[in-house]
């Protein structure tokens, strides 16, 4: 996927090199303390009371000590963030933040790190959250690891950072702050759901109602699917003797697909310029269905698979069904955006150019089914006449999608 690097599992945030990188500020309690100090100093000056001068001098000591301790506590620390290699929307996210003290003396106390998590793609749906991690004590020359977990609500690219580290040790009057500007990005893939038996039947039986070539049995059986009458060429090992005895004719076990012809999936991400909340939900459901379908195909012995996404841009990925192809498609779906322009026919024309005649083509569209009935599917079929009998259109806005897919 161009423009978006895959996240690394571990990112080291550079340690501060000098005091100039560390900021120091007065806390609210510190300001209260300064007001009292100013009141005492003013009284000492106006009244010329030496005892008040001594008291004012003694009160300045804690401020200076707190300032110095806050600065030293944040010096010579190295931070490390570890993100998962991949994650889907709705899954539990585990993030580890580790701190290592490079000092040979003086421990660090009372460190509070604030992590910024922000969704940066797709555009138009901002989401951000701040997470706080506490490190009560880090011994000199030692390391400490803390973590947090949660769930990222939607697919997309999330940016982690900057990491802001604060301490008020030891008196809580002055706060030292160090900002690690290094950030890391994580691609959150679409949420995976569950495919129904109708999905398997859809791949086995074409739209015309006849069995496709995918229904032919291979040399190795798959998962048991059903029972049918014996046909010439079936293996004797597939005979189901109890059913044959009951029917008084040979019956054989039917297995799930072991060999499928090439398959093309076209995802039509059409939306009006100002989509409603319901239309956004339909779009996310369509994206999740395609991701789940490709994930399922990657687990099975199949032929070549082509996935075309017609949204803000037209993106096409193809190759042998594998985990590698699934990861590429999932990352592409994670950042795909809808468009109010009609790119469906353009995408289908490109699919026609890349696949062989007779390839089964599955079109998943977010357009209202009523609109498609008024504007018939003839342009879809007409764009690929030699594949007309192998085209299946699924509308994501109705019960039709529910026949094949259930949300997880």
Protein backbone atom coordinates (compact mmCIF):
# COMPACT_ATOMS: atom_id res chain seq x y z
CA UNK A 1 0.00 0.00 0.00
CA UNK A 2 1.60 3.19 -1.17
CA UNK A 3 2.12 6.13 1.16
CA UNK A 4 1.48 4.25 4.39
CA UNK A 5 4.41 2.33 5.88
CA UNK A 6 3.80 -0.81 7.81
CA UNK A 7 4.30 -0.18 11.53
CA UNK A 8 7.31 -1.66 13.23
CA UNK A 9 6.81 -3.75 16.32
CA UNK A 10 9.15 -1.61 18.39
CA UNK A 11 9.97 2.09 18.30
CA UNK A 12 12.62 3.71 20.46
CA UNK A 13 12.06 7.31 21.44
CA UNK A 14 15.35 9.17 21.87
CA UNK A 15 16.36 10.20 25.33
CA UNK A 16 16.79 13.90 26.08
CA UNK A 17 20.34 15.03 25.52
CA UNK A 18 20.38 18.20 27.59
CA UNK A 19 18.33 20.38 29.88
CA UNK A 20 17.16 22.50 26.94
CA UNK A 21 14.77 19.74 25.94
CA UNK A 22 13.08 19.71 29.31
CA UNK A 23 10.51 22.31 30.26
CA UNK A 24 9.70 23.37 33.79
CA UNK A 25 6.51 25.01 35.00
CA UNK A 26 4.84 26.01 38.25
CA UNK A 27 1.97 23.79 39.40
CA UNK A 28 -1.24 25.19 40.83
CA UNK A 29 -0.09 24.25 44.32
CA UNK A 30 3.21 25.95 43.54
CA UNK A 31 1.42 29.19 42.72
CA UNK A 32 -0.40 29.02 46.05
CA UNK A 33 2.98 28.54 47.69
CA UNK A 34 4.44 31.53 45.80
CA UNK A 35 1.53 33.76 46.85
CA UNK A 36 2.20 32.95 50.49
CA UNK A 37 5.92 33.48 49.93
CA UNK A 38 5.27 36.85 48.30
CA UNK A 39 3.01 37.87 51.17
CA UNK A 40 5.72 37.00 53.72
CA UNK A 41 8.45 38.71 51.69
CA UNK A 42 6.31 41.86 51.34
CA UNK A 43 5.66 41.90 55.07
CA UNK A 44 9.38 41.47 55.76
CA UNK A 45 10.23 44.41 53.53
CA UNK A 46 7.49 46.72 54.77
CA UNK A 47 7.85 45.83 58.44
CA UNK A 48 11.60 45.24 58.35
CA UNK A 49 11.19 42.07 60.37
CA UNK A 50 14.33 39.93 60.11
CA UNK A 51 12.47 36.78 61.13
CA UNK A 52 10.20 37.15 58.11
CA UNK A 53 13.26 37.55 55.87
CA UNK A 54 14.60 34.29 57.24
CA UNK A 55 11.23 32.58 56.75
CA UNK A 56 11.02 33.83 53.14
CA UNK A 57 14.51 32.55 52.47
CA UNK A 58 13.66 29.16 53.91
CA UNK A 59 10.52 28.95 51.73
CA UNK A 60 12.50 29.60 48.57
CA UNK A 61 14.54 26.46 49.24
CA UNK A 62 11.73 23.95 48.46
CA UNK A 63 10.99 25.69 45.15
CA UNK A 64 14.61 25.48 44.04
CA UNK A 65 14.99 21.89 45.23
CA UNK A 66 11.76 20.85 43.46
CA UNK A 67 12.90 22.57 40.23
CA UNK A 68 16.27 20.84 40.28
CA UNK A 69 14.85 17.42 41.13
CA UNK A 70 12.22 17.65 38.37
CA UNK A 71 14.92 18.42 35.79
CA UNK A 72 17.31 15.70 36.95
CA UNK A 73 14.54 13.10 37.16
CA UNK A 74 13.73 13.51 33.45
CA UNK A 75 17.32 13.47 32.23
CA UNK A 76 19.00 10.41 30.67
CA UNK A 77 15.82 8.39 30.18
CA UNK A 78 15.04 6.27 27.12
CA UNK A 79 11.48 5.40 26.15
CA UNK A 80 10.30 2.44 24.08
CA UNK A 81 6.82 1.84 22.61
CA UNK A 82 5.74 -1.58 21.35
CA UNK A 83 2.64 -1.93 19.16
CA UNK A 84 1.09 -5.12 17.74
CA UNK A 85 2.02 -6.09 14.19
CA UNK A 86 -1.61 -6.03 13.11
CA UNK A 87 -5.04 -5.59 14.64
CA UNK A 88 -8.66 -5.39 13.48
CA UNK A 89 -11.25 -2.86 14.57
CA UNK A 90 -12.91 -3.93 17.79
CA UNK A 91 -10.06 -6.21 18.85
CA UNK A 92 -8.28 -5.58 22.12
CA UNK A 93 -5.21 -3.42 21.63
CA UNK A 94 -2.19 -4.02 23.87
CA UNK A 95 0.50 -1.33 23.99
CA UNK A 96 3.68 -1.57 26.08
CA UNK A 97 5.58 1.53 27.19
CA UNK A 98 9.01 0.86 28.65
CA UNK A 99 11.39 3.30 30.32
CA UNK A 100 15.09 2.75 30.86
CA UNK A 101 17.23 4.91 33.12
CA UNK A 102 20.71 5.50 31.69
CA UNK A 103 21.92 7.12 34.88
CA UNK A 104 24.26 5.31 37.23
CA UNK A 105 22.93 7.14 40.28
CA UNK A 106 19.71 8.74 41.49
CA UNK A 107 16.41 7.00 40.86
CA UNK A 108 13.43 8.53 39.04
CA UNK A 109 10.16 8.93 40.92
CA UNK A 110 6.60 9.90 40.13
CA UNK A 111 6.74 9.77 36.32
CA UNK A 112 3.47 10.17 34.42
CA UNK A 113 3.50 9.57 30.64
CA UNK A 114 0.59 10.75 28.47
CA UNK A 115 0.17 9.06 25.09
CA UNK A 116 -1.88 10.68 22.30
CA UNK A 117 -3.81 8.29 20.01
CA UNK A 118 -5.33 9.89 16.91
CA UNK A 119 -7.09 8.50 13.85
CA UNK A 120 -5.55 10.16 10.79
CA UNK A 121 -7.09 8.16 7.93
CA UNK A 122 -9.56 7.89 6.29
CA UNK A 123 -10.21 11.61 6.33
CA UNK A 124 -13.44 13.14 7.56
CA UNK A 125 -13.94 11.08 10.70
CA UNK A 126 -11.55 12.37 13.40
CA UNK A 127 -11.08 10.46 16.63
CA UNK A 128 -8.53 11.09 19.36
CA UNK A 129 -7.86 9.99 22.92
CA UNK A 130 -5.20 10.59 25.56
CA UNK A 131 -3.95 7.66 27.62
CA UNK A 132 -2.07 8.08 30.89
CA UNK A 133 0.58 5.63 32.11
CA UNK A 134 2.21 5.95 35.54
CA UNK A 135 5.74 4.88 36.53
CA UNK A 136 5.98 5.28 40.31
CA UNK A 137 9.67 4.35 40.52
CA UNK A 138 12.49 3.62 38.08
CA UNK A 139 15.79 2.66 39.66
CA UNK A 140 19.04 4.07 38.28
CA UNK A 141 20.46 1.82 35.57
CA UNK A 142 17.26 -0.23 35.51
CA UNK A 143 14.14 -0.35 33.33
CA UNK A 144 10.43 -0.42 34.03
CA UNK A 145 7.61 -1.55 31.75
CA UNK A 146 3.97 -0.56 31.94
CA UNK A 147 1.17 -0.99 29.45
CA UNK A 148 -2.38 -0.15 28.58
CA UNK A 149 -5.10 -1.79 26.54
CA UNK A 150 -8.34 -0.80 24.91
CA UNK A 151 -10.29 -1.07 21.66
CA UNK A 152 -9.97 1.08 18.57
CA UNK A 153 -13.52 1.63 17.29
CA UNK A 154 -13.03 1.79 13.52
CA UNK A 155 -10.70 0.80 10.72
CA UNK A 156 -8.05 3.28 9.61
CA UNK A 157 -4.57 4.52 10.38
CA UNK A 158 -3.92 5.58 13.96
CA UNK A 159 -0.99 7.69 15.09
CA UNK A 160 0.55 7.09 18.53
CA UNK A 161 2.42 9.99 20.04
CA UNK A 162 3.85 12.36 20.92
CA UNK A 163 4.64 10.97 24.34
CA UNK A 164 4.63 13.65 27.06
CA UNK A 165 6.37 12.73 30.34
CA UNK A 166 5.77 14.76 33.49
CA UNK A 167 6.94 14.65 37.07
CA UNK A 168 6.26 16.75 40.18
CA UNK A 169 8.67 14.88 42.39
CA UNK A 170 9.33 15.46 45.23
CA UNK A 171 7.13 18.30 46.57
CA UNK A 172 4.50 18.84 43.85
CA UNK A 173 5.28 22.56 43.53
CA UNK A 174 7.14 22.48 40.18
CA UNK A 175 6.37 20.23 37.22
CA UNK A 176 9.06 19.06 34.82
CA UNK A 177 7.94 18.04 31.33
CA UNK A 178 9.66 16.27 28.46
CA UNK A 179 7.99 15.72 25.06
CA UNK A 180 9.16 12.87 22.85
CA UNK A 181 8.11 14.02 19.38
CA UNK A 182 8.66 10.64 17.75
CA UNK A 183 5.37 9.05 16.62
CA UNK A 184 4.34 5.63 15.32
CA UNK A 185 1.48 4.59 13.07
CA UNK A 186 -0.68 1.49 13.28
CA UNK A 187 -2.98 0.22 10.54
CA UNK A 188 -6.26 -1.05 11.97
CA UNK A 189 -7.88 -3.49 9.55
CA UNK A 190 -11.66 -3.80 9.08
CA UNK A 191 -13.61 -5.80 11.61
CA UNK A 192 -14.04 -9.46 10.64
CA UNK A 193 -17.44 -11.13 10.86
CA UNK A 194 -18.82 -14.60 10.13
CA UNK A 195 -19.72 -16.09 6.75
CA UNK A 196 -22.75 -18.33 6.42
CA UNK A 197 -23.29 -21.57 4.51
CA UNK A 198 -24.91 -19.50 1.78
CA UNK A 199 -21.50 -17.99 1.09
CA UNK A 200 -20.09 -21.43 0.30
CA UNK A 201 -23.05 -22.23 -1.89
CA UNK A 202 -22.62 -18.90 -3.69
CA UNK A 203 -19.09 -19.87 -4.65
CA UNK A 204 -20.15 -23.34 -5.72
CA UNK A 205 -23.28 -22.49 -7.71
CA UNK A 206 -23.29 -19.66 -10.21
CA UNK A 207 -26.11 -17.13 -10.68
CA UNK A 208 -27.63 -19.19 -13.48
CA UNK A 209 -28.41 -21.94 -10.99
CA UNK A 210 -26.01 -24.49 -12.46
CA UNK A 211 -23.04 -25.88 -10.63
CA UNK A 212 -19.80 -24.13 -11.42
CA UNK A 213 -16.45 -25.72 -12.04
CA UNK A 214 -15.62 -24.94 -8.45
CA UNK A 215 -18.04 -27.68 -7.38
CA UNK A 216 -15.94 -30.41 -8.89
CA UNK A 217 -14.17 -32.53 -6.35
CA UNK A 218 -10.41 -32.56 -6.15
CA UNK A 219 -8.14 -35.40 -5.28
CA UNK A 220 -8.21 -34.43 -1.60
CA UNK A 221 -11.45 -34.08 0.32
CA UNK A 222 -12.28 -30.96 2.31
CA UNK A 223 -14.73 -30.47 5.16
CA UNK A 224 -17.90 -32.62 4.96
CA UNK A 225 -20.68 -30.57 3.37
CA UNK A 226 -23.62 -32.85 2.47
CA UNK A 227 -24.77 -35.95 0.65
CA UNK A 228 -25.69 -36.35 -3.02
CA UNK A 229 -26.33 -39.15 -5.50
CA UNK A 230 -23.36 -41.04 -6.86
CA UNK A 231 -22.03 -39.91 -10.27
CA UNK A 232 -19.57 -41.61 -12.61
CA UNK A 233 -16.03 -40.65 -11.63
CA UNK A 234 -16.73 -40.35 -7.90
CA UNK A 235 -14.34 -42.14 -5.59
CA UNK A 236 -15.58 -45.22 -3.74
CA UNK A 237 -14.11 -43.70 -0.58
CA UNK A 238 -16.84 -41.04 -0.72
CA UNK A 239 -19.71 -43.53 -0.59
CA UNK A 240 -22.00 -43.04 2.44
CA UNK A 241 -23.16 -46.60 3.06
CA UNK A 242 -25.95 -45.93 5.55
CA UNK A 243 -27.65 -43.41 3.25
CA UNK A 244 -27.10 -45.70 0.25
CA UNK A 245 -28.81 -48.57 2.08
CA UNK A 246 -31.75 -46.37 3.08
CA UNK A 247 -32.22 -44.94 -0.43
CA UNK A 248 -31.49 -48.25 -2.15
CA UNK A 249 -29.00 -46.44 -4.40
CA UNK A 250 -25.49 -45.21 -4.04
CA UNK A 251 -25.00 -41.85 -2.28
CA UNK A 252 -21.68 -40.10 -1.73
CA UNK A 253 -20.41 -37.53 0.70
CA UNK A 254 -20.09 -34.02 -0.69
CA UNK A 255 -17.18 -31.88 0.44
CA UNK A 256 -16.49 -28.19 0.45
CA UNK A 257 -14.55 -26.63 -2.36
CA UNK A 258 -11.05 -27.91 -2.94
CA UNK A 259 -10.51 -26.13 -6.23
CA UNK A 260 -12.18 -22.94 -7.35
CA UNK A 261 -11.80 -21.01 -10.55
CA UNK A 262 -10.47 -17.46 -10.40
CA UNK A 263 -12.71 -15.05 -8.50
CA UNK A 264 -13.05 -11.27 -8.77
CA UNK A 265 -14.57 -9.09 -6.04
CA UNK A 266 -15.59 -5.50 -6.82
CA UNK A 267 -16.39 -3.24 -3.86
CA UNK A 268 -18.44 -0.23 -4.96
CA UNK A 269 -18.04 2.41 -2.21
CA UNK A 270 -20.59 4.90 -3.45
CA UNK A 271 -22.09 7.46 -1.06
CA UNK A 272 -23.77 10.86 -1.45
CA UNK A 273 -21.66 13.92 -0.68
CA UNK A 274 -23.23 14.20 2.78
CA UNK A 275 -23.91 10.62 3.93
CA UNK A 276 -26.23 9.86 6.80
CA UNK A 277 -25.26 7.80 9.83
CA UNK A 278 -27.14 4.85 8.36
CA UNK A 279 -25.23 5.12 5.10
CA UNK A 280 -21.94 5.21 7.00
CA UNK A 281 -22.98 2.03 8.80
CA UNK A 282 -23.83 0.37 5.47
CA UNK A 283 -20.42 1.31 4.08
CA UNK A 284 -18.56 -0.13 7.06
CA UNK A 285 -20.61 -3.31 6.80
CA UNK A 286 -19.72 -3.71 3.13
CA UNK A 287 -16.03 -3.17 3.82
CA UNK A 288 -16.08 -5.70 6.67
CA UNK A 289 -17.85 -8.26 4.48
CA UNK A 290 -15.21 -8.01 1.75
CA UNK A 291 -12.41 -8.25 4.31
CA UNK A 292 -14.06 -11.32 5.86
CA UNK A 293 -14.57 -12.92 2.44
CA UNK A 294 -10.93 -12.44 1.45
CA UNK A 295 -9.82 -13.72 4.86
CA UNK A 296 -11.95 -16.85 4.33
CA UNK A 297 -10.59 -17.41 0.83
CA UNK A 298 -7.04 -17.09 2.15
CA UNK A 299 -7.66 -20.12 4.39
CA UNK A 300 -8.78 -22.33 1.50
CA UNK A 301 -7.03 -23.80 -1.55
CA UNK A 302 -8.23 -21.48 -4.31
CA UNK A 303 -7.12 -20.07 -7.61
CA UNK A 304 -6.19 -16.46 -8.22
CA UNK A 305 -8.21 -13.73 -6.54
CA UNK A 306 -8.67 -10.15 -7.72
CA UNK A 307 -10.10 -7.43 -5.48
CA UNK A 308 -11.09 -4.04 -6.93
CA UNK A 309 -12.15 -1.13 -4.69
CA UNK A 310 -14.08 1.65 -6.43
CA UNK A 311 -14.12 4.57 -4.01
CA UNK A 312 -12.34 7.90 -3.98
CA UNK A 313 -9.77 6.15 -6.13
CA UNK A 314 -9.77 2.79 -7.86
CA UNK A 315 -7.40 0.31 -6.25
CA UNK A 316 -6.84 -3.24 -7.48
CA UNK A 317 -4.91 -6.07 -5.87
CA UNK A 318 -4.60 -9.58 -7.27
CA UNK A 319 -2.68 -12.75 -6.68
CA UNK A 320 -2.99 -16.25 -5.34
CA UNK A 321 -5.26 -16.52 -2.31
CA UNK A 322 -2.92 -16.30 0.64
CA UNK A 323 -2.37 -14.54 3.93
CA UNK A 324 -0.07 -12.13 2.15
CA UNK A 325 -2.83 -11.09 -0.25
CA UNK A 326 -5.30 -10.80 2.63
CA UNK A 327 -2.97 -8.48 4.54
CA UNK A 328 -2.57 -6.30 1.46
CA UNK A 329 -6.33 -6.14 0.87
CA UNK A 330 -7.07 -5.52 4.57
CA UNK A 331 -4.60 -2.63 4.73
CA UNK A 332 -6.08 -1.17 1.56
CA UNK A 333 -9.61 -1.49 2.92
CA UNK A 334 -8.49 0.15 6.16
CA UNK A 335 -7.92 3.48 4.38
CA UNK A 336 -10.48 3.24 1.56
CA UNK A 337 -12.84 6.22 1.27
CA UNK A 338 -16.21 6.45 -0.42
CA UNK A 339 -16.99 8.75 -3.33
CA UNK A 340 -20.10 10.44 -4.67
CA UNK A 341 -18.77 9.90 -8.20
CA UNK A 342 -19.77 6.79 -10.13
CA UNK A 343 -16.59 4.71 -10.47
CA UNK A 344 -18.29 1.34 -10.59
CA UNK A 345 -18.29 0.86 -14.37
CA UNK A 346 -14.70 2.07 -14.63
CA UNK A 347 -13.62 -0.48 -12.01
CA UNK A 348 -15.55 -3.28 -13.70
CA UNK A 349 -14.01 -2.41 -17.06
CA UNK A 350 -10.56 -2.73 -15.48
CA UNK A 351 -11.57 -6.07 -13.95
CA UNK A 352 -12.75 -7.25 -17.37
CA UNK A 353 -9.33 -6.42 -18.78
CA UNK A 354 -7.47 -8.37 -16.12
CA UNK A 355 -9.49 -11.58 -15.72
CA UNK A 356 -10.31 -14.43 -18.05
CA UNK A 357 -13.76 -14.78 -19.63
CA UNK A 358 -16.16 -16.74 -17.44
CA UNK A 359 -14.54 -15.62 -14.18
CA UNK A 360 -17.08 -15.36 -11.41
CA UNK A 361 -17.40 -11.71 -10.35
CA UNK A 362 -18.92 -10.64 -7.06
CA UNK A 363 -20.04 -6.99 -6.90
CA UNK A 364 -20.66 -5.61 -3.40
CA UNK A 365 -22.25 -2.18 -3.53
CA UNK A 366 -23.27 0.39 -0.93
CA UNK A 367 -25.82 2.00 -3.23
CA UNK A 368 -29.45 1.85 -2.17
CA UNK A 369 -31.06 -1.21 -3.69
CA UNK A 370 -34.06 0.89 -4.77
CA UNK A 371 -31.74 3.11 -6.76
CA UNK A 372 -30.21 0.10 -8.45
CA UNK A 373 -33.66 -1.15 -9.41
CA UNK A 374 -34.50 2.19 -11.03
CA UNK A 375 -31.06 2.25 -12.66
CA UNK A 376 -30.87 -1.47 -13.58
CA UNK A 377 -27.77 -3.60 -13.35
CA UNK A 378 -27.58 -3.63 -17.16
CA UNK A 379 -24.55 -1.27 -17.15
CA UNK A 380 -22.79 -3.68 -14.80
CA UNK A 381 -23.51 -6.72 -16.95
CA UNK A 382 -23.07 -4.77 -20.17
CA UNK A 383 -19.57 -3.74 -19.17
CA UNK A 384 -18.55 -7.40 -19.12
CA UNK A 385 -20.89 -9.28 -21.50
CA UNK A 386 -18.77 -12.42 -21.66
CA UNK A 387 -19.05 -12.69 -17.86
CA UNK A 388 -22.76 -11.93 -17.65
CA UNK A 389 -23.72 -15.37 -16.36
CA UNK A 390 -21.01 -15.20 -13.71
CA UNK A 391 -21.89 -11.84 -12.11
CA UNK A 392 -23.48 -11.66 -8.65
CA UNK A 393 -24.47 -8.28 -7.18
CA UNK A 394 -24.95 -7.95 -3.41
CA UNK A 395 -26.49 -4.82 -1.92
CA UNK A 396 -25.14 -3.97 1.51
CA UNK A 397 -28.21 -1.97 2.56
CA UNK A 398 -30.66 -4.83 2.92
CA UNK A 399 -31.19 -8.39 4.04
CA UNK A 400 -29.40 -9.69 0.94
CA UNK A 401 -25.98 -9.27 2.55
CA UNK A 402 -27.24 -10.95 5.70
CA UNK A 403 -27.68 -14.19 3.77
CA UNK A 404 -23.91 -14.44 3.40
CA UNK A 405 -22.45 -12.44 6.28
CA UNK A 406 -23.10 -11.87 9.97
CA UNK A 407 -21.30 -9.22 11.97
CA UNK A 408 -18.94 -10.54 14.60
